């Protein structure tokens, strides 16, 4: 069956329209950075009421010193490595309130605020893009699952659970695994947005959402 010339031309026009309507990676990236800056600032402001800044500075300084000693040593010292795990664990426990505050802010901002603001965050508004559902209206479930893959929500949740219920060694290696998996998923999504035909991220594909341009 032959394809007519008019059909070919219409296909080319539709391809051009798809490309022109495709949200740029830079738009999604800048929106994401703006939104995470907002979440981080508010989370830090909330946590400040519960944290001793001097103690936090001392713990971070201790971690920095141990890290530098390990990095500059010619061979791995088991005692130094254990000291590094201890320092990481102490910092994580003391900064747990920051992790919790960030978790709450992610839910409030990326899930609740975004769904009741017609699929937009402040970053998306500035970049003139929004999240829509490919089927019917955007639902709370779609936004929750989407946020779990597109932000550090699931990482924060699992980190707090490990911090509360397991030993420091299980916590340390557990967080390494969790962050590796999350970063891998995040990089896959970045690649899909940058090089995919429709610019869908992994969380868009899985949960039937799409990021579109608005006027």
Protein backbone atom coordinates (compact mmCIF):
# COMPACT_ATOMS: atom_id res chain seq x y z
CA UNK A 1 0.00 0.00 0.00
CA UNK A 2 1.51 3.32 -1.10
CA UNK A 3 1.58 6.36 1.10
CA UNK A 4 0.40 9.51 -0.62
CA UNK A 5 2.53 12.64 -0.79
CA UNK A 6 -0.03 14.60 1.26
CA UNK A 7 0.12 11.96 4.02
CA UNK A 8 3.91 12.21 4.15
CA UNK A 9 3.72 16.00 4.36
CA UNK A 10 1.15 15.85 7.16
CA UNK A 11 3.37 13.40 9.07
CA UNK A 12 6.31 15.77 8.73
CA UNK A 13 4.20 18.68 9.96
CA UNK A 14 3.01 16.70 12.98
CA UNK A 15 6.62 15.74 13.80
CA UNK A 16 7.62 19.41 13.64
CA UNK A 17 4.72 20.38 15.89
CA UNK A 18 5.70 17.68 18.41
CA UNK A 19 9.24 19.02 18.51
CA UNK A 20 8.11 22.63 18.91
CA UNK A 21 5.73 21.68 21.72
CA UNK A 22 8.27 19.52 23.52
CA UNK A 23 9.35 20.95 26.87
CA UNK A 24 13.08 21.66 26.87
CA UNK A 25 15.33 19.86 29.31
CA UNK A 26 16.62 23.25 30.49
CA UNK A 27 13.07 24.31 31.41
CA UNK A 28 12.53 21.22 33.54
CA UNK A 29 16.00 21.50 35.07
CA UNK A 30 15.67 25.16 36.10
CA UNK A 31 12.16 24.55 37.46
CA UNK A 32 13.50 21.64 39.52
CA UNK A 33 16.43 23.68 40.88
CA UNK A 34 14.18 26.60 41.82
CA UNK A 35 11.71 24.29 43.55
CA UNK A 36 14.39 22.42 45.48
CA UNK A 37 15.93 25.69 46.61
CA UNK A 38 12.55 26.78 47.97
CA UNK A 39 12.02 23.44 49.75
CA UNK A 40 15.54 23.48 51.21
CA UNK A 41 15.23 27.04 52.52
CA UNK A 42 11.91 26.38 54.25
CA UNK A 43 13.12 23.04 55.65
CA UNK A 44 16.25 24.73 57.06
CA UNK A 45 14.17 27.53 58.61
CA UNK A 46 11.90 24.99 60.31
CA UNK A 47 14.84 22.90 61.54
CA UNK A 48 16.71 25.92 62.90
CA UNK A 49 14.26 26.12 65.78
CA UNK A 50 15.34 22.64 66.98
CA UNK A 51 19.06 22.53 66.19
CA UNK A 52 22.10 23.94 67.94
CA UNK A 53 24.07 25.51 65.09
CA UNK A 54 27.40 25.29 66.97
CA UNK A 55 27.01 21.58 67.66
CA UNK A 56 26.02 20.92 64.06
CA UNK A 57 29.09 22.85 62.90
CA UNK A 58 31.34 20.79 65.20
CA UNK A 59 29.90 17.49 63.93
CA UNK A 60 30.31 18.52 60.30
CA UNK A 61 33.87 19.70 61.00
CA UNK A 62 34.69 16.34 62.56
CA UNK A 63 33.30 14.54 59.51
CA UNK A 64 35.24 16.83 57.19
CA UNK A 65 38.51 16.17 59.07
CA UNK A 66 38.07 12.38 59.03
CA UNK A 67 37.17 12.46 55.33
CA UNK A 68 40.28 14.49 54.55
CA UNK A 69 42.50 12.14 56.55
CA UNK A 70 41.15 9.11 54.68
CA UNK A 71 41.51 10.86 51.32
CA UNK A 72 45.15 11.81 51.95
CA UNK A 73 46.29 8.53 53.54
CA UNK A 74 48.26 6.09 51.38
CA UNK A 75 46.34 3.01 52.57
CA UNK A 76 42.92 2.43 54.07
CA UNK A 77 43.01 2.45 57.86
CA UNK A 78 40.18 0.35 59.31
CA UNK A 79 40.07 2.45 62.46
CA UNK A 80 39.81 5.64 60.42
CA UNK A 81 37.08 4.08 58.28
CA UNK A 82 35.10 3.16 61.40
CA UNK A 83 35.61 6.69 62.66
CA UNK A 84 34.25 7.96 59.35
CA UNK A 85 31.13 5.77 59.70
CA UNK A 86 30.68 7.02 63.29
CA UNK A 87 30.98 10.64 62.14
CA UNK A 88 28.48 10.12 59.30
CA UNK A 89 26.04 8.44 61.67
CA UNK A 90 26.35 11.18 64.31
CA UNK A 91 25.79 13.89 61.72
CA UNK A 92 22.77 12.04 60.30
CA UNK A 93 21.21 11.56 63.73
CA UNK A 94 21.67 15.18 64.71
CA UNK A 95 20.43 16.43 61.35
CA UNK A 96 17.49 14.02 61.34
CA UNK A 97 15.15 16.92 62.04
CA UNK A 98 16.34 18.58 58.82
CA UNK A 99 15.65 15.38 56.89
CA UNK A 100 12.20 15.17 58.46
CA UNK A 101 11.46 18.84 57.73
CA UNK A 102 12.56 18.39 54.12
CA UNK A 103 10.36 15.30 53.79
CA UNK A 104 7.33 17.24 55.07
CA UNK A 105 8.09 20.18 52.77
CA UNK A 106 8.43 17.89 49.74
CA UNK A 107 4.99 16.40 50.42
CA UNK A 108 3.40 19.81 51.04
CA UNK A 109 5.06 21.49 48.06
CA UNK A 110 5.53 18.88 45.33
CA UNK A 111 2.39 16.87 46.06
CA UNK A 112 -0.34 18.92 47.77
CA UNK A 113 0.54 22.43 46.56
CA UNK A 114 1.25 21.25 43.02
CA UNK A 115 -1.94 19.24 42.57
CA UNK A 116 -4.13 22.03 43.96
CA UNK A 117 -2.26 24.58 41.85
CA UNK A 118 -3.19 22.91 38.57
CA UNK A 119 0.02 20.87 38.20
CA UNK A 120 2.39 23.76 38.82
CA UNK A 121 5.02 24.68 41.37
CA UNK A 122 6.65 28.11 41.56
CA UNK A 123 9.56 26.84 39.46
CA UNK A 124 7.20 25.46 36.82
CA UNK A 125 5.26 28.72 36.76
CA UNK A 126 8.44 30.67 36.11
CA UNK A 127 9.44 28.23 33.35
CA UNK A 128 5.88 28.25 31.93
CA UNK A 129 5.36 24.49 32.18
CA UNK A 130 2.96 22.25 34.08
CA UNK A 131 2.25 18.59 34.88
CA UNK A 132 -0.87 17.04 33.37
CA UNK A 133 -2.33 13.55 33.34
CA UNK A 134 -2.50 11.67 30.05
CA UNK A 135 -5.81 10.23 31.23
CA UNK A 136 -8.55 12.41 32.74
CA UNK A 137 -7.51 14.73 35.61
CA UNK A 138 -4.29 14.62 37.59
CA UNK A 139 -4.84 12.52 40.74
CA UNK A 140 -3.25 12.58 44.17
CA UNK A 141 -1.90 9.04 43.68
CA UNK A 142 -0.20 10.03 40.43
CA UNK A 143 1.45 13.00 42.11
CA UNK A 144 2.59 11.00 45.16
CA UNK A 145 4.19 8.19 43.13
CA UNK A 146 5.65 10.68 40.66
CA UNK A 147 7.20 12.67 43.50
CA UNK A 148 8.73 9.52 45.01
CA UNK A 149 10.80 9.01 41.85
CA UNK A 150 11.46 12.62 40.90
CA UNK A 151 12.52 13.98 44.31
CA UNK A 152 14.38 12.77 47.42
CA UNK A 153 11.08 11.89 49.14
CA UNK A 154 11.62 8.12 49.19
CA UNK A 155 15.31 8.56 50.11
CA UNK A 156 14.40 10.72 53.11
CA UNK A 157 11.67 8.33 54.23
CA UNK A 158 13.90 5.25 54.08
CA UNK A 159 16.84 7.09 55.64
CA UNK A 160 14.73 8.11 58.64
CA UNK A 161 13.43 4.55 59.03
CA UNK A 162 16.97 3.13 58.97
CA UNK A 163 18.16 5.83 61.34
CA UNK A 164 15.42 4.92 63.81
CA UNK A 165 15.50 1.13 63.76
CA UNK A 166 18.88 -0.29 62.67
CA UNK A 167 22.53 -0.15 63.72
CA UNK A 168 24.90 2.52 62.45
CA UNK A 169 26.61 0.08 60.06
CA UNK A 170 23.30 -1.10 58.55
CA UNK A 171 22.25 2.54 58.26
CA UNK A 172 25.50 3.58 56.57
CA UNK A 173 25.51 0.84 53.93
CA UNK A 174 21.73 0.93 53.54
CA UNK A 175 21.78 4.63 52.70
CA UNK A 176 24.59 4.05 50.19
CA UNK A 177 22.46 1.46 48.38
CA UNK A 178 19.31 3.61 48.51
CA UNK A 179 21.12 6.68 47.17
CA UNK A 180 22.80 4.64 44.42
CA UNK A 181 19.43 3.28 43.25
CA UNK A 182 17.79 6.72 43.41
CA UNK A 183 20.67 8.40 41.53
CA UNK A 184 20.57 5.69 38.85
CA UNK A 185 16.81 6.22 38.37
CA UNK A 186 17.34 9.98 38.32
CA UNK A 187 20.04 9.72 35.62
CA UNK A 188 17.83 7.42 33.54
CA UNK A 189 15.05 10.01 33.76
CA UNK A 190 17.45 12.80 32.75
CA UNK A 191 18.54 10.77 29.72
CA UNK A 192 14.93 10.10 28.74
CA UNK A 193 14.02 13.79 28.98
CA UNK A 194 17.09 14.90 27.03
CA UNK A 195 17.06 12.30 24.25
CA UNK A 196 13.55 10.81 24.21
CA UNK A 197 11.22 11.72 21.36
CA UNK A 198 8.48 13.06 23.65
CA UNK A 199 10.72 14.18 26.51
CA UNK A 200 9.01 11.92 29.05
CA UNK A 201 10.91 11.11 32.24
CA UNK A 202 10.68 7.64 33.80
CA UNK A 203 8.07 8.84 36.31
CA UNK A 204 6.00 10.28 33.45
CA UNK A 205 6.02 6.94 31.65
CA UNK A 206 5.17 4.91 34.74
CA UNK A 207 2.39 7.09 36.12
CA UNK A 208 0.80 8.47 32.92
CA UNK A 209 1.82 12.08 33.38
CA UNK A 210 3.31 14.63 31.04
CA UNK A 211 5.03 17.99 31.38
CA UNK A 212 3.72 20.50 28.85
CA UNK A 213 4.27 24.11 27.86
CA UNK A 214 1.70 26.76 28.73
CA UNK A 215 1.16 30.26 27.37
